[in-house]
């Protein structure tokens, strides 16, 4: 199914000067002491297995002794820049337990495990090759979703904070079946909202291993959220179905939950709720979004063929001929979000504010 939906491989798009200025303005562009290519100089590696002794497609990297100390100190510095004030005061309490390299997917990231030796608490962050479409995806997630995103860019290296949660594929395989009917209803509702959010903001390839399920304990029950963790496919593909998680076979159990537990009227209600929430976030972050979408509309983060196909698919889907006028993927996204905001403003009898 995915072979028909998606291109074989998405290229990496360079960071434009305009996007760099935007990231600098919002404190995303920061000098760091280590680059992605530095971590590629590992001298050996071993396969990382999960608790079921299955290959995770990650390998643990080892470096020559004369380089490891420098790399560890650089990574500790990156950690403190990402999560604190960037000083070396906490270095003595930090330890780089592992540097893992992913052999699967487009971005081929490094995953860094940093542990606090005082209490054994640990967290991760990722080192990746900078890609404009991924950065747009991260920023749009920060602006349009209920979640905040923490990342840094310096030259051709991207640093991303870890997003905690249960990987969607693991949750579906190991926990979904044993959930109560009430819980399944909650998860179905969240999948509808997640599906709507991805479609509107054109975030593609949300197969089950590209999002996480986050359980949150409330007063007398456990609530659930679904959160994207991979932003590589922001506004690249031409097929509209790529931006709709419901069409990936890995998500079939989630789609089945929706059809089994929700009435059509409830599905439409949850879709409307998500659109309204996105419109509110858009209005409250309008200045920031205006600068971001200006970068996007001037940028080239896809092919002419994909742009043409996506415009056609969106006109067919929405019946809105304004999509035909878009000259870039950023233009398509701007049109889609203007449509969402306009409907919300009209419904609430407020003055329409143009981007």
C-alpha atoms as a PDB file:
ATOM      1  CA  UNK A   1       0.000   0.000   0.000  1.00  0.00           C
ATOM      2  CA  UNK A   2       2.759   2.455   0.977  1.00  0.00           C
ATOM      3  CA  UNK A   3       4.596   1.842  -2.308  1.00  0.00           C
ATOM      4  CA  UNK A   4       1.615   3.330  -4.142  1.00  0.00           C
ATOM      5  CA  UNK A   5       1.126   6.180  -1.675  1.00  0.00           C
ATOM      6  CA  UNK A   6       4.659   7.437  -1.207  1.00  0.00           C
ATOM      7  CA  UNK A   7       7.788   8.229  -3.181  1.00  0.00           C
ATOM      8  CA  UNK A   8      10.784   5.947  -2.814  1.00  0.00           C
ATOM      9  CA  UNK A   9      12.941   8.520  -1.046  1.00  0.00           C
ATOM     10  CA  UNK A  10      12.488  12.145  -0.083  1.00  0.00           C
ATOM     11  CA  UNK A  11      15.528  14.374  -0.684  1.00  0.00           C
ATOM     12  CA  UNK A  12      16.968  16.669   1.976  1.00  0.00           C
ATOM     13  CA  UNK A  13      16.104  20.314   1.316  1.00  0.00           C
ATOM     14  CA  UNK A  14      18.581  23.055   2.312  1.00  0.00           C
ATOM     15  CA  UNK A  15      17.848  25.727   4.901  1.00  0.00           C
ATOM     16  CA  UNK A  16      17.268  29.065   3.160  1.00  0.00           C
ATOM     17  CA  UNK A  17      18.585  32.362   4.494  1.00  0.00           C
ATOM     18  CA  UNK A  18      15.012  33.489   5.125  1.00  0.00           C
ATOM     19  CA  UNK A  19      14.259  30.401   7.224  1.00  0.00           C
ATOM     20  CA  UNK A  20      17.543  30.834   9.139  1.00  0.00           C
ATOM     21  CA  UNK A  21      16.543  34.401  10.048  1.00  0.00           C
ATOM     22  CA  UNK A  22      13.141  33.154  11.244  1.00  0.00           C
ATOM     23  CA  UNK A  23      14.768  30.479  13.423  1.00  0.00           C
ATOM     24  CA  UNK A  24      17.230  33.007  14.830  1.00  0.00           C
ATOM     25  CA  UNK A  25      14.373  35.367  15.742  1.00  0.00           C
ATOM     26  CA  UNK A  26      12.668  32.618  17.758  1.00  0.00           C
ATOM     27  CA  UNK A  27      15.861  31.291  19.385  1.00  0.00           C
ATOM     28  CA  UNK A  28      15.962  28.064  17.410  1.00  0.00           C
ATOM     29  CA  UNK A  29      19.271  28.821  15.688  1.00  0.00           C
ATOM     30  CA  UNK A  30      22.078  28.396  18.227  1.00  0.00           C
ATOM     31  CA  UNK A  31      25.763  27.584  17.990  1.00  0.00           C
ATOM     32  CA  UNK A  32      26.535  24.040  19.165  1.00  0.00           C
ATOM     33  CA  UNK A  33      29.894  22.237  19.570  1.00  0.00           C
ATOM     34  CA  UNK A  34      29.166  19.049  17.607  1.00  0.00           C
ATOM     35  CA  UNK A  35      27.903  18.286  14.106  1.00  0.00           C
ATOM     36  CA  UNK A  36      26.040  15.311  12.659  1.00  0.00           C
ATOM     37  CA  UNK A  37      29.085  14.372  10.564  1.00  0.00           C
ATOM     38  CA  UNK A  38      31.259  14.248  13.698  1.00  0.00           C
ATOM     39  CA  UNK A  39      29.160  11.386  15.041  1.00  0.00           C
ATOM     40  CA  UNK A  40      29.568   9.421  11.814  1.00  0.00           C
ATOM     41  CA  UNK A  41      33.195   8.766  12.707  1.00  0.00           C
ATOM     42  CA  UNK A  42      32.385   5.776  14.921  1.00  0.00           C
ATOM     43  CA  UNK A  43      34.879   2.911  14.735  1.00  0.00           C
ATOM     44  CA  UNK A  44      32.462   0.081  15.466  1.00  0.00           C
ATOM     45  CA  UNK A  45      28.884  -0.802  16.372  1.00  0.00           C
ATOM     46  CA  UNK A  46      26.622  -3.561  17.659  1.00  0.00           C
ATOM     47  CA  UNK A  47      22.938  -4.226  16.975  1.00  0.00           C
ATOM     48  CA  UNK A  48      20.434  -2.938  19.564  1.00  0.00           C
ATOM     49  CA  UNK A  49      17.694  -5.481  20.359  1.00  0.00           C
ATOM     50  CA  UNK A  50      14.367  -4.875  22.111  1.00  0.00           C
ATOM     51  CA  UNK A  51      12.980  -6.856  25.063  1.00  0.00           C
ATOM     52  CA  UNK A  52      11.744  -9.530  22.646  1.00  0.00           C
ATOM     53  CA  UNK A  53      15.254  -9.961  21.182  1.00  0.00           C
ATOM     54  CA  UNK A  54      14.166  -8.387  17.907  1.00  0.00           C
ATOM     55  CA  UNK A  55      16.407  -6.110  15.839  1.00  0.00           C
ATOM     56  CA  UNK A  56      15.324  -2.486  16.450  1.00  0.00           C
ATOM     57  CA  UNK A  57      17.200  -1.237  13.339  1.00  0.00           C
ATOM     58  CA  UNK A  58      19.360   0.864  15.684  1.00  0.00           C
ATOM     59  CA  UNK A  59      23.059   0.150  16.263  1.00  0.00           C
ATOM     60  CA  UNK A  60      25.127   1.245  19.270  1.00  0.00           C
ATOM     61  CA  UNK A  61      28.197   3.182  18.197  1.00  0.00           C
ATOM     62  CA  UNK A  62      31.700   3.035  19.625  1.00  0.00           C
ATOM     63  CA  UNK A  63      34.412   5.649  19.159  1.00  0.00           C
ATOM     64  CA  UNK A  64      38.186   5.638  19.562  1.00  0.00           C
ATOM     65  CA  UNK A  65      39.229   6.458  23.133  1.00  0.00           C
ATOM     66  CA  UNK A  66      41.025   9.634  22.105  1.00  0.00           C
ATOM     67  CA  UNK A  67      37.773  10.992  20.554  1.00  0.00           C
ATOM     68  CA  UNK A  68      35.152   9.701  22.974  1.00  0.00           C
ATOM     69  CA  UNK A  69      35.879  12.186  25.780  1.00  0.00           C
ATOM     70  CA  UNK A  70      35.605  15.151  23.426  1.00  0.00           C
ATOM     71  CA  UNK A  71      32.393  13.790  21.861  1.00  0.00           C
ATOM     72  CA  UNK A  72      30.844  13.133  25.284  1.00  0.00           C
ATOM     73  CA  UNK A  73      31.627  16.643  26.509  1.00  0.00           C
ATOM     74  CA  UNK A  74      30.232  18.146  23.308  1.00  0.00           C
ATOM     75  CA  UNK A  75      27.022  16.124  23.669  1.00  0.00           C
ATOM     76  CA  UNK A  76      26.682  17.161  27.317  1.00  0.00           C
ATOM     77  CA  UNK A  77      26.984  20.764  26.193  1.00  0.00           C
ATOM     78  CA  UNK A  78      24.257  20.224  23.573  1.00  0.00           C
ATOM     79  CA  UNK A  79      22.045  18.695  26.269  1.00  0.00           C
ATOM     80  CA  UNK A  80      22.445  21.715  28.553  1.00  0.00           C
ATOM     81  CA  UNK A  81      21.817  24.138  25.678  1.00  0.00           C
ATOM     82  CA  UNK A  82      18.645  22.226  24.777  1.00  0.00           C
ATOM     83  CA  UNK A  83      17.297  21.863  28.315  1.00  0.00           C
ATOM     84  CA  UNK A  84      19.039  24.499  30.426  1.00  0.00           C
ATOM     85  CA  UNK A  85      21.285  27.560  30.166  1.00  0.00           C
ATOM     86  CA  UNK A  86      24.145  25.919  28.269  1.00  0.00           C
ATOM     87  CA  UNK A  87      26.661  26.168  31.122  1.00  0.00           C
ATOM     88  CA  UNK A  88      28.979  23.330  32.167  1.00  0.00           C
ATOM     89  CA  UNK A  89      27.979  23.437  35.862  1.00  0.00           C
ATOM     90  CA  UNK A  90      26.082  20.154  35.587  1.00  0.00           C
ATOM     91  CA  UNK A  91      28.669  18.262  33.499  1.00  0.00           C
ATOM     92  CA  UNK A  92      29.964  16.319  36.512  1.00  0.00           C
ATOM     93  CA  UNK A  93      26.469  14.949  37.106  1.00  0.00           C
ATOM     94  CA  UNK A  94      25.821  13.923  33.501  1.00  0.00           C
ATOM     95  CA  UNK A  95      26.897  10.809  31.672  1.00  0.00           C
ATOM     96  CA  UNK A  96      26.445   9.921  28.000  1.00  0.00           C
ATOM     97  CA  UNK A  97      25.338   6.294  28.351  1.00  0.00           C
ATOM     98  CA  UNK A  98      24.815   5.504  24.672  1.00  0.00           C
ATOM     99  CA  UNK A  99      25.084   6.881  21.152  1.00  0.00           C
ATOM    100  CA  UNK A 100      22.804   4.923  18.818  1.00  0.00           C
ATOM    101  CA  UNK A 101      22.528   5.253  15.040  1.00  0.00           C
ATOM    102  CA  UNK A 102      19.362   4.425  13.110  1.00  0.00           C
ATOM    103  CA  UNK A 103      19.862   2.499   9.883  1.00  0.00           C
ATOM    104  CA  UNK A 104      16.234   2.869   8.814  1.00  0.00           C
ATOM    105  CA  UNK A 105      14.378   5.769   7.148  1.00  0.00           C
ATOM    106  CA  UNK A 106      15.366   9.025   5.501  1.00  0.00           C
ATOM    107  CA  UNK A 107      16.939  10.996   8.324  1.00  0.00           C
ATOM    108  CA  UNK A 108      19.266   8.299   9.786  1.00  0.00           C
ATOM    109  CA  UNK A 109      19.398  10.029  13.183  1.00  0.00           C
ATOM    110  CA  UNK A 110      21.693   9.549  16.158  1.00  0.00           C
ATOM    111  CA  UNK A 111      19.918   8.949  19.477  1.00  0.00           C
ATOM    112  CA  UNK A 112      21.834  10.173  22.505  1.00  0.00           C
ATOM    113  CA  UNK A 113      21.036   8.775  25.972  1.00  0.00           C
ATOM    114  CA  UNK A 114      22.044  11.170  28.777  1.00  0.00           C
ATOM    115  CA  UNK A 115      21.828  10.045  32.411  1.00  0.00           C
ATOM    116  CA  UNK A 116      21.956  12.039  35.649  1.00  0.00           C
ATOM    117  CA  UNK A 117      24.372  10.025  37.825  1.00  0.00           C
ATOM    118  CA  UNK A 118      22.870  11.418  41.061  1.00  0.00           C
ATOM    119  CA  UNK A 119      19.466   9.806  40.613  1.00  0.00           C
ATOM    120  CA  UNK A 120      19.815   7.596  37.505  1.00  0.00           C
ATOM    121  CA  UNK A 121      17.133   9.563  35.647  1.00  0.00           C
ATOM    122  CA  UNK A 122      17.808   9.645  31.928  1.00  0.00           C
ATOM    123  CA  UNK A 123      16.461  11.172  28.750  1.00  0.00           C
ATOM    124  CA  UNK A 124      17.239  11.215  25.042  1.00  0.00           C
ATOM    125  CA  UNK A 125      17.824  13.710  22.315  1.00  0.00           C
ATOM    126  CA  UNK A 126      18.459  13.254  18.591  1.00  0.00           C
ATOM    127  CA  UNK A 127      21.121  14.569  16.232  1.00  0.00           C
ATOM    128  CA  UNK A 128      20.035  14.742  12.581  1.00  0.00           C
ATOM    129  CA  UNK A 129      20.941  16.253   9.243  1.00  0.00           C
ATOM    130  CA  UNK A 130      19.090  19.537   8.858  1.00  0.00           C
ATOM    131  CA  UNK A 131      16.185  19.383   6.391  1.00  0.00           C
ATOM    132  CA  UNK A 132      13.942  22.362   5.629  1.00  0.00           C
ATOM    133  CA  UNK A 133      10.713  20.362   5.333  1.00  0.00           C
ATOM    134  CA  UNK A 134      11.379  18.665   8.700  1.00  0.00           C
ATOM    135  CA  UNK A 135      12.002  22.049  10.344  1.00  0.00           C
ATOM    136  CA  UNK A 136       8.746  23.401   8.912  1.00  0.00           C
ATOM    137  CA  UNK A 137       7.053  20.315  10.331  1.00  0.00           C
ATOM    138  CA  UNK A 138       8.524  20.896  13.784  1.00  0.00           C
ATOM    139  CA  UNK A 139       7.537  24.576  13.807  1.00  0.00           C
ATOM    140  CA  UNK A 140       4.013  23.841  12.595  1.00  0.00           C
ATOM    141  CA  UNK A 141       3.641  21.221  15.316  1.00  0.00           C
ATOM    142  CA  UNK A 142       4.700  23.819  17.872  1.00  0.00           C
ATOM    143  CA  UNK A 143       2.206  26.392  16.569  1.00  0.00           C
ATOM    144  CA  UNK A 144      -0.800  24.295  15.540  1.00  0.00           C
ATOM    145  CA  UNK A 145      -0.861  21.264  17.834  1.00  0.00           C
ATOM    146  CA  UNK A 146      -1.608  21.069  21.573  1.00  0.00           C
ATOM    147  CA  UNK A 147       2.058  20.150  22.118  1.00  0.00           C
ATOM    148  CA  UNK A 148       5.268  22.173  22.388  1.00  0.00           C
ATOM    149  CA  UNK A 149       8.382  21.216  20.448  1.00  0.00           C
ATOM    150  CA  UNK A 150      11.983  21.717  21.563  1.00  0.00           C
ATOM    151  CA  UNK A 151      14.685  21.733  18.870  1.00  0.00           C
ATOM    152  CA  UNK A 152      17.832  23.598  17.801  1.00  0.00           C
ATOM    153  CA  UNK A 153      19.562  24.178  14.491  1.00  0.00           C
ATOM    154  CA  UNK A 154      23.150  25.073  13.717  1.00  0.00           C
ATOM    155  CA  UNK A 155      24.372  25.052  10.097  1.00  0.00           C
ATOM    156  CA  UNK A 156      23.548  21.565   8.746  1.00  0.00           C
ATOM    157  CA  UNK A 157      22.849  19.890  12.105  1.00  0.00           C
ATOM    158  CA  UNK A 158      19.451  19.575  13.787  1.00  0.00           C
ATOM    159  CA  UNK A 159      18.998  18.730  17.475  1.00  0.00           C
ATOM    160  CA  UNK A 160      15.591  17.435  18.583  1.00  0.00           C
ATOM    161  CA  UNK A 161      14.388  16.744  22.116  1.00  0.00           C
ATOM    162  CA  UNK A 162      12.896  13.331  22.721  1.00  0.00           C
ATOM    163  CA  UNK A 163       9.081  13.021  22.665  1.00  0.00           C
ATOM    164  CA  UNK A 164       8.071  10.530  25.347  1.00  0.00           C
ATOM    165  CA  UNK A 165       5.254   8.043  24.826  1.00  0.00           C
ATOM    166  CA  UNK A 166       4.426   4.491  23.793  1.00  0.00           C
ATOM    167  CA  UNK A 167       5.230   3.940  20.090  1.00  0.00           C
ATOM    168  CA  UNK A 168       1.967   3.498  18.207  1.00  0.00           C
ATOM    169  CA  UNK A 169       2.919   0.135  16.702  1.00  0.00           C
ATOM    170  CA  UNK A 170       3.940  -1.226  20.130  1.00  0.00           C
ATOM    171  CA  UNK A 171       0.727   0.034  21.735  1.00  0.00           C
ATOM    172  CA  UNK A 172      -1.420  -1.501  18.988  1.00  0.00           C
ATOM    173  CA  UNK A 173       0.352  -4.848  19.204  1.00  0.00           C
ATOM    174  CA  UNK A 174       0.752  -5.188  22.970  1.00  0.00           C
ATOM    175  CA  UNK A 175      -1.891  -3.083  24.737  1.00  0.00           C
ATOM    176  CA  UNK A 176      -4.817  -2.120  22.533  1.00  0.00           C
ATOM    177  CA  UNK A 177      -6.659  -5.437  22.678  1.00  0.00           C
ATOM    178  CA  UNK A 178      -6.684  -5.502  26.498  1.00  0.00           C
ATOM    179  CA  UNK A 179      -8.059  -1.952  26.837  1.00  0.00           C
ATOM    180  CA  UNK A 180     -11.556  -1.492  28.248  1.00  0.00           C
ATOM    181  CA  UNK A 181     -14.395  -0.445  25.958  1.00  0.00           C
ATOM    182  CA  UNK A 182     -14.362   3.004  27.545  1.00  0.00           C
ATOM    183  CA  UNK A 183     -10.626   3.365  26.842  1.00  0.00           C
ATOM    184  CA  UNK A 184     -11.065   2.196  23.266  1.00  0.00           C
ATOM    185  CA  UNK A 185     -13.702   4.872  22.836  1.00  0.00           C
ATOM    186  CA  UNK A 186     -11.263   7.518  24.107  1.00  0.00           C
ATOM    187  CA  UNK A 187      -8.498   6.311  21.789  1.00  0.00           C
ATOM    188  CA  UNK A 188     -10.893   6.270  18.817  1.00  0.00           C
ATOM    189  CA  UNK A 189     -11.823   9.885  19.553  1.00  0.00           C
ATOM    190  CA  UNK A 190      -8.138  10.900  19.735  1.00  0.00           C
ATOM    191  CA  UNK A 191      -7.340   9.123  16.465  1.00  0.00           C
ATOM    192  CA  UNK A 192     -10.102  11.068  14.698  1.00  0.00           C
ATOM    193  CA  UNK A 193      -8.629  14.337  15.999  1.00  0.00           C
ATOM    194  CA  UNK A 194      -5.077  13.279  15.155  1.00  0.00           C
ATOM    195  CA  UNK A 195      -6.151  12.281  11.650  1.00  0.00           C
ATOM    196  CA  UNK A 196      -7.854  15.640  11.122  1.00  0.00           C
ATOM    197  CA  UNK A 197      -4.859  17.599  12.426  1.00  0.00           C
ATOM    198  CA  UNK A 198      -2.402  15.794  10.149  1.00  0.00           C
ATOM    199  CA  UNK A 199      -4.641  16.266   7.105  1.00  0.00           C
ATOM    200  CA  UNK A 200      -5.160  20.002   7.610  1.00  0.00           C
ATOM    201  CA  UNK A 201      -1.519  20.809   8.289  1.00  0.00           C
ATOM    202  CA  UNK A 202      -0.253  18.396   5.615  1.00  0.00           C
ATOM    203  CA  UNK A 203       1.933  16.211   7.844  1.00  0.00           C
ATOM    204  CA  UNK A 204       2.451  12.950   5.990  1.00  0.00           C
ATOM    205  CA  UNK A 205       3.498   9.360   6.677  1.00  0.00           C
ATOM    206  CA  UNK A 206       1.877   8.954  10.079  1.00  0.00           C
ATOM    207  CA  UNK A 207       2.217   5.199  10.127  1.00  0.00           C
ATOM    208  CA  UNK A 208       1.913   3.672  13.599  1.00  0.00           C
ATOM    209  CA  UNK A 209       5.653   3.839  14.318  1.00  0.00           C
ATOM    210  CA  UNK A 210       5.749   7.581  13.555  1.00  0.00           C
ATOM    211  CA  UNK A 211       3.503   8.618  16.445  1.00  0.00           C
ATOM    212  CA  UNK A 212       3.237   7.815  20.142  1.00  0.00           C
ATOM    213  CA  UNK A 213       0.337   7.141  22.503  1.00  0.00           C
ATOM    214  CA  UNK A 214       0.575   9.137  25.732  1.00  0.00           C
ATOM    215  CA  UNK A 215      -1.515   7.934  28.703  1.00  0.00           C
ATOM    216  CA  UNK A 216      -2.313  10.643  31.269  1.00  0.00           C
ATOM    217  CA  UNK A 217      -3.771   9.814  34.671  1.00  0.00           C
ATOM    218  CA  UNK A 218      -6.712  12.039  35.570  1.00  0.00           C
ATOM    219  CA  UNK A 219      -8.837  11.992  38.741  1.00  0.00           C
ATOM    220  CA  UNK A 220     -10.648   8.711  38.171  1.00  0.00           C
ATOM    221  CA  UNK A 221      -9.484   7.487  34.771  1.00  0.00           C
ATOM    222  CA  UNK A 222      -6.624   7.426  32.285  1.00  0.00           C
ATOM    223  CA  UNK A 223      -6.843   9.795  29.329  1.00  0.00           C
ATOM    224  CA  UNK A 224      -4.915   9.348  26.073  1.00  0.00           C
ATOM    225  CA  UNK A 225      -3.272  11.587  23.505  1.00  0.00           C
ATOM    226  CA  UNK A 226      -1.745  10.757  20.135  1.00  0.00           C
ATOM    227  CA  UNK A 227       1.333  12.764  19.220  1.00  0.00           C
ATOM    228  CA  UNK A 228       3.451  12.805  16.066  1.00  0.00           C
ATOM    229  CA  UNK A 229       7.184  12.126  16.524  1.00  0.00           C
ATOM    230  CA  UNK A 230       8.420  12.217  12.916  1.00  0.00           C
ATOM    231  CA  UNK A 231       8.166  15.379  10.816  1.00  0.00           C
ATOM    232  CA  UNK A 232      10.165  14.336   7.774  1.00  0.00           C
ATOM    233  CA  UNK A 233       7.134  14.275   5.478  1.00  0.00           C
ATOM    234  CA  UNK A 234       5.840  17.807   5.928  1.00  0.00           C
ATOM    235  CA  UNK A 235       4.347  19.053   2.636  1.00  0.00           C
ATOM    236  CA  UNK A 236       6.362  16.810   0.296  1.00  0.00           C
ATOM    237  CA  UNK A 237       4.146  14.104  -1.231  1.00  0.00           C
ATOM    238  CA  UNK A 238       1.538  14.768  -3.905  1.00  0.00           C
ATOM    239  CA  UNK A 239      -1.004  12.141  -2.896  1.00  0.00           C
ATOM    240  CA  UNK A 240      -3.474  13.579  -0.362  1.00  0.00           C
ATOM    241  CA  UNK A 241      -3.906  10.141   1.230  1.00  0.00           C
ATOM    242  CA  UNK A 242      -0.328  10.329   2.541  1.00  0.00           C
ATOM    243  CA  UNK A 243      -1.505  13.144   4.845  1.00  0.00           C
ATOM    244  CA  UNK A 244      -4.414  11.071   6.184  1.00  0.00           C
ATOM    245  CA  UNK A 245      -3.238   8.459   8.724  1.00  0.00           C
ATOM    246  CA  UNK A 246      -6.432   6.434   8.190  1.00  0.00           C
ATOM    247  CA  UNK A 247      -5.135   5.197   4.826  1.00  0.00           C
ATOM    248  CA  UNK A 248      -2.022   3.411   6.122  1.00  0.00           C
ATOM    249  CA  UNK A 249      -2.476  -0.301   6.713  1.00  0.00           C
ATOM    250  CA  UNK A 250      -0.465  -0.104   9.965  1.00  0.00           C
ATOM    251  CA  UNK A 251      -3.271   2.073  11.365  1.00  0.00           C
ATOM    252  CA  UNK A 252      -6.087  -0.321  10.438  1.00  0.00           C
ATOM    253  CA  UNK A 253      -6.687  -1.362  14.106  1.00  0.00           C
ATOM    254  CA  UNK A 254      -7.152   2.327  14.990  1.00  0.00           C
ATOM    255  CA  UNK A 255      -9.518   2.878  12.068  1.00  0.00           C
ATOM    256  CA  UNK A 256     -11.469  -0.199  13.157  1.00  0.00           C
ATOM    257  CA  UNK A 257     -11.786   1.311  16.648  1.00  0.00           C
ATOM    258  CA  UNK A 258     -13.311   4.437  15.140  1.00  0.00           C
ATOM    259  CA  UNK A 259     -15.841   2.585  12.995  1.00  0.00           C
ATOM    260  CA  UNK A 260     -16.756   0.243  15.869  1.00  0.00           C
ATOM    261  CA  UNK A 261     -17.032   2.728  18.729  1.00  0.00           C
ATOM    262  CA  UNK A 262     -18.086   6.042  17.198  1.00  0.00           C
ATOM    263  CA  UNK A 263     -21.229   7.175  15.414  1.00  0.00           C
ATOM    264  CA  UNK A 264     -20.837   9.257  12.262  1.00  0.00           C
ATOM    265  CA  UNK A 265     -22.224  12.290  14.093  1.00  0.00           C
ATOM    266  CA  UNK A 266     -19.581  11.901  16.837  1.00  0.00           C
ATOM    267  CA  UNK A 267     -16.789  11.601  14.266  1.00  0.00           C
ATOM    268  CA  UNK A 268     -17.914  14.828  12.612  1.00  0.00           C
ATOM    269  CA  UNK A 269     -18.187  16.535  16.016  1.00  0.00           C
ATOM    270  CA  UNK A 270     -14.583  15.589  16.930  1.00  0.00           C
ATOM    271  CA  UNK A 271     -13.306  16.731  13.532  1.00  0.00           C
ATOM    272  CA  UNK A 272     -15.044  20.067  14.026  1.00  0.00           C
ATOM    273  CA  UNK A 273     -13.584  20.388  17.532  1.00  0.00           C
ATOM    274  CA  UNK A 274     -10.062  19.836  16.202  1.00  0.00           C
ATOM    275  CA  UNK A 275     -10.495  22.348  13.398  1.00  0.00           C
ATOM    276  CA  UNK A 276     -11.774  24.911  15.901  1.00  0.00           C
ATOM    277  CA  UNK A 277      -8.843  24.318  18.229  1.00  0.00           C
ATOM    278  CA  UNK A 278      -6.383  24.698  15.349  1.00  0.00           C
ATOM    279  CA  UNK A 279      -8.078  27.942  14.309  1.00  0.00           C
ATOM    280  CA  UNK A 280      -7.758  29.302  17.866  1.00  0.00           C
ATOM    281  CA  UNK A 281      -4.055  28.408  17.998  1.00  0.00           C
ATOM    282  CA  UNK A 282      -3.580  30.004  14.601  1.00  0.00           C
ATOM    283  CA  UNK A 283      -5.206  33.259  15.701  1.00  0.00           C
ATOM    284  CA  UNK A 284      -3.232  33.476  18.951  1.00  0.00           C
ATOM    285  CA  UNK A 285       0.063  32.713  17.137  1.00  0.00           C
ATOM    286  CA  UNK A 286      -0.716  34.759  14.054  1.00  0.00           C
ATOM    287  CA  UNK A 287       2.454  36.895  13.994  1.00  0.00           C
ATOM    288  CA  UNK A 288       4.726  33.880  14.297  1.00  0.00           C
ATOM    289  CA  UNK A 289       2.742  31.896  11.735  1.00  0.00           C
ATOM    290  CA  UNK A 290       2.766  34.800   9.295  1.00  0.00           C
ATOM    291  CA  UNK A 291       6.572  34.858   9.338  1.00  0.00           C
ATOM    292  CA  UNK A 292       6.808  31.070   9.021  1.00  0.00           C
ATOM    293  CA  UNK A 293       4.364  30.800   6.127  1.00  0.00           C
ATOM    294  CA  UNK A 294       6.221  33.614   4.316  1.00  0.00           C
ATOM    295  CA  UNK A 295       9.355  31.439   4.463  1.00  0.00           C
ATOM    296  CA  UNK A 296       7.401  28.393   3.310  1.00  0.00           C
ATOM    297  CA  UNK A 297       5.642  29.997   0.356  1.00  0.00           C
ATOM    298  CA  UNK A 298       8.990  31.251  -0.960  1.00  0.00           C
ATOM    299  CA  UNK A 299      10.703  27.895  -0.425  1.00  0.00           C
ATOM    300  CA  UNK A 300      10.859  24.770  -2.609  1.00  0.00           C
ATOM    301  CA  UNK A 301      10.344  21.669  -0.484  1.00  0.00           C
ATOM    302  CA  UNK A 302       8.794  19.341  -3.055  1.00  0.00           C
ATOM    303  CA  UNK A 303       8.647  18.613  -6.783  1.00  0.00           C
ATOM    304  CA  UNK A 304       6.502  20.244  -9.449  1.00  0.00           C
ATOM    305  CA  UNK A 305       4.755  16.916 -10.025  1.00  0.00           C
ATOM    306  CA  UNK A 306       3.847  16.531  -6.345  1.00  0.00           C
ATOM    307  CA  UNK A 307       2.644  20.134  -6.164  1.00  0.00           C
ATOM    308  CA  UNK A 308       0.397  19.668  -9.175  1.00  0.00           C
ATOM    309  CA  UNK A 309      -1.070  16.393  -7.893  1.00  0.00           C
ATOM    310  CA  UNK A 310      -1.735  17.694  -4.385  1.00  0.00           C
ATOM    311  CA  UNK A 311      -3.526  20.793  -5.713  1.00  0.00           C
ATOM    312  CA  UNK A 312      -5.742  18.549  -7.835  1.00  0.00           C
ATOM    313  CA  UNK A 313      -6.453  16.172  -4.924  1.00  0.00           C
ATOM    314  CA  UNK A 314      -7.346  19.049  -2.579  1.00  0.00           C
ATOM    315  CA  UNK A 315      -9.702  20.684  -5.064  1.00  0.00           C
ATOM    316  CA  UNK A 316     -11.438  17.319  -5.478  1.00  0.00           C
ATOM    317  CA  UNK A 317     -11.559  16.779  -1.698  1.00  0.00           C
ATOM    318  CA  UNK A 318     -12.572  20.267  -0.543  1.00  0.00           C
ATOM    319  CA  UNK A 319     -14.283  21.679  -3.661  1.00  0.00           C
ATOM    320  CA  UNK A 320     -12.283  24.867  -3.007  1.00  0.00           C
ATOM    321  CA  UNK A 321     -10.750  26.129  -6.273  1.00  0.00           C
ATOM    322  CA  UNK A 322      -8.414  28.491  -4.362  1.00  0.00           C
ATOM    323  CA  UNK A 323      -5.939  25.600  -4.113  1.00  0.00           C
ATOM    324  CA  UNK A 324      -5.362  25.912  -7.872  1.00  0.00           C
ATOM    325  CA  UNK A 325      -3.668  29.293  -7.355  1.00  0.00           C
ATOM    326  CA  UNK A 326      -0.967  27.974  -5.001  1.00  0.00           C
ATOM    327  CA  UNK A 327       2.534  28.128  -6.450  1.00  0.00           C
ATOM    328  CA  UNK A 328       4.303  26.183  -3.707  1.00  0.00           C
ATOM    329  CA  UNK A 329       3.599  23.679  -0.958  1.00  0.00           C
ATOM    330  CA  UNK A 330       3.651  26.606   1.459  1.00  0.00           C
ATOM    331  CA  UNK A 331       0.947  28.254  -0.631  1.00  0.00           C
ATOM    332  CA  UNK A 332      -1.190  25.123  -0.433  1.00  0.00           C
ATOM    333  CA  UNK A 333      -0.811  24.968   3.342  1.00  0.00           C
ATOM    334  CA  UNK A 334      -1.643  28.666   3.673  1.00  0.00           C
ATOM    335  CA  UNK A 335      -4.837  28.140   1.658  1.00  0.00           C
ATOM    336  CA  UNK A 336      -5.847  25.149   3.795  1.00  0.00           C
ATOM    337  CA  UNK A 337      -5.329  26.989   7.080  1.00  0.00           C
ATOM    338  CA  UNK A 338      -7.052  30.145   5.816  1.00  0.00           C
ATOM    339  CA  UNK A 339     -10.052  27.935   5.022  1.00  0.00           C
ATOM    340  CA  UNK A 340     -10.058  26.513   8.574  1.00  0.00           C
ATOM    341  CA  UNK A 341      -9.652  29.933  10.203  1.00  0.00           C
ATOM    342  CA  UNK A 342     -12.267  31.575   7.970  1.00  0.00           C
ATOM    343  CA  UNK A 343     -14.870  28.968   8.875  1.00  0.00           C
ATOM    344  CA  UNK A 344     -14.129  29.360  12.574  1.00  0.00           C
ATOM    345  CA  UNK A 345     -14.258  33.173  12.431  1.00  0.00           C
ATOM    346  CA  UNK A 346     -17.488  33.167  10.413  1.00  0.00           C
ATOM    347  CA  UNK A 347     -19.082  30.757  12.873  1.00  0.00           C
ATOM    348  CA  UNK A 348     -18.083  32.909  15.823  1.00  0.00           C
ATOM    349  CA  UNK A 349     -18.986  36.237  14.133  1.00  0.00           C
ATOM    350  CA  UNK A 350     -15.531  37.720  14.486  1.00  0.00           C
ATOM    351  CA  UNK A 351     -13.612  39.927  12.132  1.00  0.00           C
ATOM    352  CA  UNK A 352     -11.559  37.951   9.623  1.00  0.00           C
ATOM    353  CA  UNK A 353      -7.828  38.614   9.924  1.00  0.00           C
ATOM    354  CA  UNK A 354      -5.766  37.960   6.818  1.00  0.00           C
ATOM    355  CA  UNK A 355      -2.330  36.413   7.060  1.00  0.00           C
END
